[in-house]
N, C-alpha and C. Protein backbone atom coordinates (compact mmCIF):
# COMPACT_ATOMS: atom_id res chain seq x y z
N MET A 1 12.60 15.76 0.98
CA MET A 1 12.90 14.39 0.58
C MET A 1 11.89 13.45 1.21
N PRO A 2 11.31 12.54 0.43
CA PRO A 2 10.35 11.59 0.97
C PRO A 2 10.96 10.74 2.08
N GLY A 3 10.16 10.42 3.08
CA GLY A 3 10.63 9.62 4.20
C GLY A 3 10.92 8.18 3.83
N TYR A 4 10.41 7.71 2.71
CA TYR A 4 10.59 6.31 2.35
C TYR A 4 11.85 6.05 1.56
N SER A 5 12.68 7.03 1.37
CA SER A 5 13.87 6.84 0.53
C SER A 5 14.76 5.71 1.04
N ALA A 6 14.82 5.51 2.35
CA ALA A 6 15.66 4.45 2.90
C ALA A 6 15.07 3.07 2.60
N SER A 7 13.76 2.98 2.45
CA SER A 7 13.12 1.69 2.20
C SER A 7 12.60 1.55 0.77
N LYS A 8 13.07 2.40 -0.10
CA LYS A 8 12.57 2.44 -1.47
C LYS A 8 12.72 1.09 -2.18
N ASN A 9 13.86 0.45 -2.08
CA ASN A 9 14.07 -0.84 -2.75
C ASN A 9 13.09 -1.89 -2.25
N ASN A 10 12.85 -1.91 -0.94
CA ASN A 10 11.90 -2.84 -0.36
C ASN A 10 10.50 -2.58 -0.89
N LEU A 11 10.11 -1.32 -0.98
CA LEU A 11 8.79 -0.96 -1.51
C LEU A 11 8.65 -1.40 -2.96
N ILE A 12 9.67 -1.18 -3.75
CA ILE A 12 9.62 -1.56 -5.15
C ILE A 12 9.50 -3.08 -5.29
N LYS A 13 10.21 -3.84 -4.46
CA LYS A 13 10.10 -5.30 -4.50
C LYS A 13 8.70 -5.76 -4.13
N ARG A 14 8.14 -5.16 -3.08
CA ARG A 14 6.78 -5.53 -2.66
C ARG A 14 5.76 -5.21 -3.76
N LEU A 15 5.91 -4.04 -4.37
CA LEU A 15 4.99 -3.66 -5.45
C LEU A 15 5.13 -4.59 -6.65
N ALA A 16 6.33 -5.03 -6.94
CA ALA A 16 6.54 -5.97 -8.04
C ALA A 16 5.83 -7.30 -7.75
N ARG A 17 5.86 -7.72 -6.47
CA ARG A 17 5.15 -8.95 -6.10
C ARG A 17 3.64 -8.78 -6.30
N VAL A 18 3.13 -7.63 -5.89
CA VAL A 18 1.70 -7.35 -6.07
C VAL A 18 1.35 -7.33 -7.55
N GLU A 19 2.22 -6.73 -8.35
CA GLU A 19 2.00 -6.69 -9.80
C GLU A 19 1.90 -8.12 -10.35
N GLY A 20 2.77 -8.99 -9.86
CA GLY A 20 2.73 -10.39 -10.29
C GLY A 20 1.44 -11.07 -9.85
N GLN A 21 0.97 -10.75 -8.65
CA GLN A 21 -0.29 -11.31 -8.18
C GLN A 21 -1.45 -10.86 -9.06
N VAL A 22 -1.45 -9.60 -9.46
CA VAL A 22 -2.52 -9.08 -10.31
C VAL A 22 -2.49 -9.79 -11.66
N ARG A 23 -1.32 -9.98 -12.22
CA ARG A 23 -1.22 -10.72 -13.48
C ARG A 23 -1.73 -12.15 -13.30
N GLY A 24 -1.43 -12.73 -12.14
CA GLY A 24 -1.91 -14.08 -11.85
C GLY A 24 -3.43 -14.15 -11.81
N VAL A 25 -4.06 -13.13 -11.22
CA VAL A 25 -5.52 -13.09 -11.18
C VAL A 25 -6.08 -12.96 -12.59
N SER A 26 -5.44 -12.17 -13.41
CA SER A 26 -5.87 -12.03 -14.80
C SER A 26 -5.81 -13.39 -15.51
N ARG A 27 -4.74 -14.13 -15.30
CA ARG A 27 -4.62 -15.47 -15.90
C ARG A 27 -5.71 -16.40 -15.37
N MET A 28 -5.98 -16.29 -14.06
CA MET A 28 -7.02 -17.13 -13.47
C MET A 28 -8.36 -16.89 -14.15
N ILE A 29 -8.66 -15.64 -14.41
CA ILE A 29 -9.93 -15.31 -15.07
C ILE A 29 -9.92 -15.82 -16.51
N GLU A 30 -8.80 -15.63 -17.21
CA GLU A 30 -8.69 -16.14 -18.58
C GLU A 30 -8.89 -17.65 -18.63
N GLU A 31 -8.43 -18.35 -17.58
CA GLU A 31 -8.52 -19.81 -17.52
C GLU A 31 -9.82 -20.30 -16.90
N ASP A 32 -10.73 -19.37 -16.62
CA ASP A 32 -12.03 -19.71 -16.02
C ASP A 32 -11.89 -20.46 -14.71
N ARG A 33 -10.95 -20.01 -13.89
CA ARG A 33 -10.75 -20.66 -12.58
C ARG A 33 -11.94 -20.38 -11.67
N TYR A 34 -12.07 -21.18 -10.66
CA TYR A 34 -13.16 -21.09 -9.69
C TYR A 34 -13.18 -19.70 -9.07
N CYS A 35 -14.36 -19.06 -9.10
CA CYS A 35 -14.47 -17.64 -8.71
C CYS A 35 -14.04 -17.39 -7.26
N ILE A 36 -14.28 -18.33 -6.37
CA ILE A 36 -13.87 -18.14 -4.97
C ILE A 36 -12.35 -18.08 -4.87
N ASP A 37 -11.65 -18.85 -5.68
CA ASP A 37 -10.19 -18.80 -5.71
C ASP A 37 -9.71 -17.43 -6.20
N VAL A 38 -10.41 -16.89 -7.20
CA VAL A 38 -10.05 -15.56 -7.73
C VAL A 38 -10.27 -14.51 -6.65
N VAL A 39 -11.42 -14.56 -5.98
CA VAL A 39 -11.72 -13.60 -4.91
C VAL A 39 -10.69 -13.71 -3.79
N THR A 40 -10.28 -14.92 -3.47
CA THR A 40 -9.26 -15.12 -2.43
C THR A 40 -7.96 -14.43 -2.81
N GLN A 41 -7.58 -14.55 -4.08
CA GLN A 41 -6.35 -13.89 -4.54
C GLN A 41 -6.49 -12.37 -4.54
N ILE A 42 -7.67 -11.88 -4.89
CA ILE A 42 -7.89 -10.43 -4.85
C ILE A 42 -7.77 -9.91 -3.42
N ASN A 43 -8.29 -10.66 -2.46
CA ASN A 43 -8.15 -10.27 -1.06
C ASN A 43 -6.70 -10.27 -0.62
N ALA A 44 -5.92 -11.22 -1.13
CA ALA A 44 -4.49 -11.26 -0.80
C ALA A 44 -3.78 -10.03 -1.36
N ILE A 45 -4.18 -9.61 -2.56
CA ILE A 45 -3.60 -8.40 -3.17
C ILE A 45 -3.94 -7.18 -2.33
N ARG A 46 -5.20 -7.08 -1.92
CA ARG A 46 -5.60 -5.95 -1.06
C ARG A 46 -4.79 -5.92 0.23
N ALA A 47 -4.62 -7.09 0.84
CA ALA A 47 -3.86 -7.16 2.09
C ALA A 47 -2.41 -6.71 1.87
N ALA A 48 -1.83 -7.13 0.76
CA ALA A 48 -0.45 -6.73 0.45
C ALA A 48 -0.35 -5.23 0.23
N LEU A 49 -1.31 -4.65 -0.49
CA LEU A 49 -1.31 -3.20 -0.71
C LEU A 49 -1.53 -2.45 0.60
N ASP A 50 -2.40 -2.97 1.45
CA ASP A 50 -2.62 -2.33 2.75
C ASP A 50 -1.33 -2.33 3.58
N LYS A 51 -0.59 -3.42 3.52
CA LYS A 51 0.67 -3.51 4.27
C LYS A 51 1.69 -2.50 3.73
N ILE A 52 1.74 -2.36 2.42
CA ILE A 52 2.63 -1.37 1.81
C ILE A 52 2.22 0.03 2.24
N ALA A 53 0.92 0.31 2.19
CA ALA A 53 0.43 1.63 2.60
C ALA A 53 0.73 1.90 4.06
N LEU A 54 0.56 0.92 4.90
CA LEU A 54 0.84 1.10 6.32
C LEU A 54 2.32 1.38 6.55
N GLY A 55 3.18 0.73 5.79
CA GLY A 55 4.62 1.02 5.88
C GLY A 55 4.93 2.45 5.47
N LEU A 56 4.26 2.92 4.43
CA LEU A 56 4.45 4.31 4.00
C LEU A 56 3.96 5.28 5.07
N VAL A 57 2.84 4.97 5.69
CA VAL A 57 2.32 5.81 6.77
C VAL A 57 3.32 5.83 7.93
N ASP A 58 3.87 4.68 8.26
CA ASP A 58 4.86 4.60 9.33
C ASP A 58 6.06 5.49 9.02
N ASP A 59 6.56 5.40 7.79
CA ASP A 59 7.68 6.25 7.38
C ASP A 59 7.30 7.73 7.47
N HIS A 60 6.08 8.05 7.07
CA HIS A 60 5.61 9.44 7.12
C HIS A 60 5.62 9.95 8.56
N VAL A 61 5.09 9.15 9.46
CA VAL A 61 5.03 9.56 10.87
C VAL A 61 6.44 9.75 11.42
N ARG A 62 7.33 8.83 11.11
CA ARG A 62 8.68 8.88 11.67
C ARG A 62 9.56 9.98 11.07
N HIS A 63 9.28 10.38 9.83
CA HIS A 63 10.15 11.36 9.17
C HIS A 63 9.48 12.72 8.96
N CYS A 64 8.30 12.72 8.43
CA CYS A 64 7.68 13.97 8.01
C CYS A 64 7.06 14.77 9.15
N LEU A 65 6.75 14.11 10.26
CA LEU A 65 6.13 14.83 11.37
C LEU A 65 7.16 15.34 12.38
N LYS A 66 8.43 15.14 12.11
CA LYS A 66 9.47 15.59 13.05
C LYS A 66 9.63 17.10 13.09
N ASP A 67 9.38 17.76 11.98
CA ASP A 67 9.56 19.20 11.90
C ASP A 67 8.37 19.89 12.57
N PRO A 68 8.55 20.49 13.75
CA PRO A 68 7.42 21.08 14.47
C PRO A 68 6.76 22.23 13.71
N ARG A 69 7.48 22.87 12.81
CA ARG A 69 6.89 23.97 12.04
C ARG A 69 5.85 23.49 11.04
N ARG A 70 5.98 22.24 10.62
CA ARG A 70 5.07 21.70 9.61
C ARG A 70 4.23 20.54 10.14
N ALA A 71 4.38 20.21 11.40
CA ALA A 71 3.75 19.01 11.96
C ALA A 71 2.23 19.05 11.84
N ASP A 72 1.60 20.19 12.13
CA ASP A 72 0.14 20.25 12.07
C ASP A 72 -0.37 20.02 10.65
N ALA A 73 0.24 20.67 9.68
CA ALA A 73 -0.19 20.49 8.29
C ALA A 73 0.04 19.05 7.84
N ARG A 74 1.17 18.49 8.23
CA ARG A 74 1.47 17.10 7.84
C ARG A 74 0.52 16.13 8.53
N ALA A 75 0.18 16.40 9.79
CA ALA A 75 -0.77 15.54 10.51
C ALA A 75 -2.14 15.59 9.85
N ASP A 76 -2.58 16.77 9.43
CA ASP A 76 -3.86 16.89 8.73
C ASP A 76 -3.83 16.08 7.44
N GLU A 77 -2.74 16.22 6.70
CA GLU A 77 -2.56 15.49 5.46
C GLU A 77 -2.61 13.98 5.71
N LEU A 78 -1.94 13.54 6.76
CA LEU A 78 -1.90 12.13 7.12
C LEU A 78 -3.29 11.62 7.46
N MET A 79 -4.05 12.36 8.24
CA MET A 79 -5.38 11.92 8.64
C MET A 79 -6.31 11.83 7.42
N GLN A 80 -6.17 12.74 6.48
CA GLN A 80 -6.97 12.67 5.26
C GLN A 80 -6.62 11.42 4.45
N ALA A 81 -5.33 11.14 4.35
CA ALA A 81 -4.89 9.95 3.62
C ALA A 81 -5.39 8.67 4.30
N LEU A 82 -5.32 8.64 5.63
CA LEU A 82 -5.81 7.46 6.35
C LEU A 82 -7.32 7.30 6.17
N GLY A 83 -8.04 8.42 6.18
CA GLY A 83 -9.47 8.35 5.95
C GLY A 83 -9.80 7.74 4.59
N ARG A 84 -9.06 8.13 3.57
CA ARG A 84 -9.26 7.56 2.23
C ARG A 84 -8.90 6.08 2.21
N MET A 85 -7.83 5.74 2.91
CA MET A 85 -7.38 4.35 2.93
C MET A 85 -8.42 3.46 3.63
N LEU A 86 -8.97 3.95 4.71
CA LEU A 86 -9.93 3.14 5.47
C LEU A 86 -11.31 3.12 4.85
N ALA A 87 -11.57 4.00 3.91
CA ALA A 87 -12.90 4.07 3.28
C ALA A 87 -13.17 2.88 2.37
N HIS A 88 -12.16 2.17 1.97
CA HIS A 88 -12.39 1.04 1.06
C HIS A 88 -12.76 -0.17 1.82
């Protein structure tokens, strides 16, 4: 069972907010809004997604790494995911 099941509703709400932000950026571009304002909103979206990802990592550490039989494999998986996350 995924470790985020307890916070699933919160994650879905946060993702819905990000989805709304992305739609807002699309509208900004359609309306020819000032490009710096668009870039600012894109950075806000990235920050929101990073916060969601960090919450998922926190849940993973607290739940998925508890089983000592699978901890090494899960830790390797976590480090690979963090590497991909930090590469952007």
